[in-house]
N, C-alpha and C. Protein backbone atom coordinates (compact mmCIF):
# COMPACT_ATOMS: atom_id res chain seq x y z
N MET A 1 0.69 -1.04 -0.14
CA MET A 1 -0.03 -0.10 0.00
C MET A 1 0.87 1.15 -0.05
N ASN A 2 0.37 2.21 -0.59
CA ASN A 2 1.31 3.51 -0.73
C ASN A 2 1.33 4.03 0.46
N CYS A 3 2.43 4.76 0.84
CA CYS A 3 2.61 5.25 2.25
C CYS A 3 2.05 6.43 2.23
N LEU A 4 1.88 7.25 1.38
CA LEU A 4 0.96 8.56 1.63
C LEU A 4 -0.41 8.15 1.92
N PHE A 5 -1.17 7.15 0.97
CA PHE A 5 -2.42 6.80 1.05
C PHE A 5 -2.53 6.15 2.59
N ARG A 6 -1.62 5.42 3.32
CA ARG A 6 -1.68 4.78 4.41
C ARG A 6 -1.72 5.92 5.40
N TYR A 7 -1.10 7.01 5.33
CA TYR A 7 -1.12 8.05 6.23
C TYR A 7 -2.29 8.97 6.32
N PHE A 8 -2.81 9.04 5.02
CA PHE A 8 -4.36 9.74 4.83
C PHE A 8 -5.43 8.79 5.44
N ILE A 9 -5.57 7.53 5.34
CA ILE A 9 -6.55 6.52 5.90
C ILE A 9 -6.31 6.75 7.51
N ALA A 10 -4.85 6.76 8.13
CA ALA A 10 -4.74 6.98 9.53
C ALA A 10 -5.45 8.32 9.89
N LEU A 11 -5.01 9.27 9.37
CA LEU A 11 -5.44 10.62 9.38
C LEU A 11 -7.19 10.69 9.81
N ILE A 12 -7.59 10.07 8.68
CA ILE A 12 -9.07 10.06 8.88
C ILE A 12 -9.75 9.02 9.80
N VAL A 13 -9.13 7.98 10.20
CA VAL A 13 -9.57 7.04 11.11
C VAL A 13 -9.36 7.83 12.69
N GLY A 14 -8.21 8.69 12.66
CA GLY A 14 -7.77 9.27 13.98
C GLY A 14 -8.92 10.54 13.99
N ALA A 15 -9.30 11.11 13.33
CA ALA A 15 -10.45 12.24 13.17
C ALA A 15 -11.47 11.55 13.24
N VAL A 16 -11.85 10.70 12.90
CA VAL A 16 -13.47 10.20 13.07
C VAL A 16 -13.42 10.12 14.51
N VAL A 17 -12.65 8.96 14.96
CA VAL A 17 -12.57 8.43 16.53
C VAL A 17 -12.69 9.69 17.41
N THR A 18 -11.51 10.38 17.25
CA THR A 18 -11.59 11.62 18.12
C THR A 18 -12.81 12.56 17.97
N GLY A 19 -13.28 12.85 16.83
CA GLY A 19 -14.49 13.68 16.48
C GLY A 19 -15.81 13.09 17.42
N THR A 20 -15.96 11.85 17.25
CA THR A 20 -17.06 10.71 17.85
C THR A 20 -16.65 11.18 19.29
N VAL A 21 -15.79 11.02 20.09
CA VAL A 21 -15.30 11.06 21.18
C VAL A 21 -15.65 12.56 21.79
N ALA A 22 -15.20 13.43 21.39
CA ALA A 22 -15.74 14.77 21.56
C ALA A 22 -17.02 15.24 21.35
N TYR A 23 -17.50 14.64 20.56
CA TYR A 23 -19.22 15.01 20.52
C TYR A 23 -19.97 14.46 21.67
N PHE A 24 -19.61 13.33 22.08
CA PHE A 24 -20.36 12.70 23.15
C PHE A 24 -19.89 12.77 24.60
N GLU A 25 -18.62 13.39 24.83
CA GLU A 25 -18.11 13.79 26.16
C GLU A 25 -18.26 15.19 26.38
N PRO A 26 -18.82 15.67 27.49
CA PRO A 26 -18.76 16.98 27.84
C PRO A 26 -17.49 17.69 27.97
N PRO A 27 -17.62 18.87 27.43
CA PRO A 27 -16.00 19.62 27.65
C PRO A 27 -15.85 20.01 29.18
N ARG A 28 -14.38 19.51 29.45
CA ARG A 28 -13.87 19.83 30.69
C ARG A 28 -12.43 20.36 30.22
N GLY A 29 -11.74 20.68 31.31
CA GLY A 29 -10.35 21.29 31.59
C GLY A 29 -9.30 20.47 30.78
N GLU A 30 -9.54 19.06 31.27
CA GLU A 30 -8.44 18.09 30.54
C GLU A 30 -8.91 17.65 29.28
N SER A 31 -10.07 18.05 28.63
CA SER A 31 -10.41 17.32 27.41
C SER A 31 -9.53 17.57 26.11
N LEU A 32 -9.16 18.81 26.24
CA LEU A 32 -8.32 18.79 24.84
C LEU A 32 -6.86 18.06 24.80
N ILE A 33 -6.05 17.98 26.16
CA ILE A 33 -5.28 17.11 25.92
C ILE A 33 -5.60 15.64 25.82
N LEU A 34 -6.68 15.28 26.31
CA LEU A 34 -6.96 13.72 26.23
C LEU A 34 -7.38 13.70 24.57
N LEU A 35 -8.10 14.39 24.06
CA LEU A 35 -8.47 14.31 22.64
C LEU A 35 -7.03 14.43 21.83
N VAL A 36 -6.58 15.01 21.90
CA VAL A 36 -4.75 14.87 21.21
C VAL A 36 -4.41 13.49 21.48
N GLY A 37 -4.19 13.09 22.56
CA GLY A 37 -3.50 11.96 22.83
C GLY A 37 -4.22 10.45 22.14
N ILE A 38 -5.73 10.60 22.35
CA ILE A 38 -6.59 9.69 21.41
C ILE A 38 -6.41 9.73 20.21
N ALA A 39 -6.25 10.90 19.52
CA ALA A 39 -5.91 11.03 18.06
C ALA A 39 -4.53 10.34 17.96
N GLN A 40 -3.68 10.71 18.74
CA GLN A 40 -2.38 10.18 18.43
C GLN A 40 -2.17 8.79 18.48
N VAL A 41 -2.89 8.00 19.32
CA VAL A 41 -2.82 6.55 19.72
C VAL A 41 -3.50 6.01 18.32
N TYR A 42 -4.57 6.49 17.99
CA TYR A 42 -5.45 5.98 16.95
C TYR A 42 -4.80 6.11 15.43
N ILE A 43 -3.94 7.26 15.32
CA ILE A 43 -3.38 7.41 13.81
C ILE A 43 -2.27 6.66 14.02
N VAL A 44 -1.28 6.38 15.00
CA VAL A 44 -0.18 5.47 15.08
C VAL A 44 -0.49 4.10 15.02
N GLY A 45 -1.57 3.82 15.67
CA GLY A 45 -2.39 2.51 15.69
C GLY A 45 -2.61 2.01 14.30
N THR A 46 -3.29 2.77 13.50
CA THR A 46 -3.71 2.66 12.11
C THR A 46 -2.57 2.75 11.35
N VAL A 47 -1.64 3.34 11.29
CA VAL A 47 -0.66 3.27 10.52
C VAL A 47 0.33 1.83 10.54
N ILE A 48 0.54 1.46 11.95
CA ILE A 48 1.05 0.34 12.01
C ILE A 48 0.38 -1.14 11.60
N ALA A 49 -1.21 -0.95 11.86
CA ALA A 49 -2.13 -1.81 11.26
C ALA A 49 -2.04 -2.06 9.91
N LEU A 50 -1.99 -1.01 8.92
CA LEU A 50 -2.10 -1.29 7.66
C LEU A 50 -0.62 -1.53 7.23
N ARG A 51 0.57 -1.05 8.01
CA ARG A 51 1.88 -1.37 7.42
C ARG A 51 2.19 -2.90 7.61
N TYR A 52 1.55 -3.43 8.82
CA TYR A 52 2.00 -4.75 8.99
C TYR A 52 0.79 -5.84 9.12
N GLU A 53 -0.03 -5.42 8.01
CA GLU A 53 -1.18 -6.15 7.82
C GLU A 53 -1.19 -7.64 7.81
N SER A 54 -0.08 -8.09 7.08
CA SER A 54 0.04 -9.52 6.73
C SER A 54 0.41 -10.34 8.25
N ILE A 55 1.56 -9.60 9.22
CA ILE A 55 1.70 -10.15 10.42
C ILE A 55 0.43 -10.28 11.29
N LEU A 56 -0.39 -9.20 11.27
CA LEU A 56 -1.48 -9.02 12.20
C LEU A 56 -2.45 -10.11 11.82
N ARG A 57 -2.64 -10.52 10.65
CA ARG A 57 -3.69 -11.41 10.19
C ARG A 57 -3.44 -12.80 10.16
N ASN A 58 -1.84 -13.11 10.32
CA ASN A 58 -1.25 -14.51 10.56
C ASN A 58 -1.99 -15.01 11.56
N THR A 59 -2.74 -16.35 11.17
CA THR A 59 -3.55 -17.15 12.20
C THR A 59 -2.63 -18.40 12.44
N ASP A 60 -1.27 -18.35 12.09
CA ASP A 60 -0.80 -19.73 12.45
C ASP A 60 0.01 -19.72 14.01
N SER A 61 -0.48 -20.86 14.65
CA SER A 61 -0.09 -20.59 16.01
C SER A 61 1.12 -21.13 16.18
N SER A 62 1.90 -21.47 15.19
CA SER A 62 3.31 -22.11 15.58
C SER A 62 4.37 -20.72 15.96
C-alpha cells in the first residue's frame, strides 16, 4: 500500500474517532489534552496496522 495513502487513511480514522469522542463527551478542562492523545494513539495504531497487515492477520499458531 502506498505510504501517503496509508497516512491519509490513518488521519481519517484518527479524526473520526476523536470527533466521535469529542461529540459525546462533555467539555472539561483536561478534554483537549485527552483528545490529542486519543488522536495520536489511533493514528499511529492505524498506520502500524496497515503497514504490518500480513503479520496481524497471520493465524498460524506456531
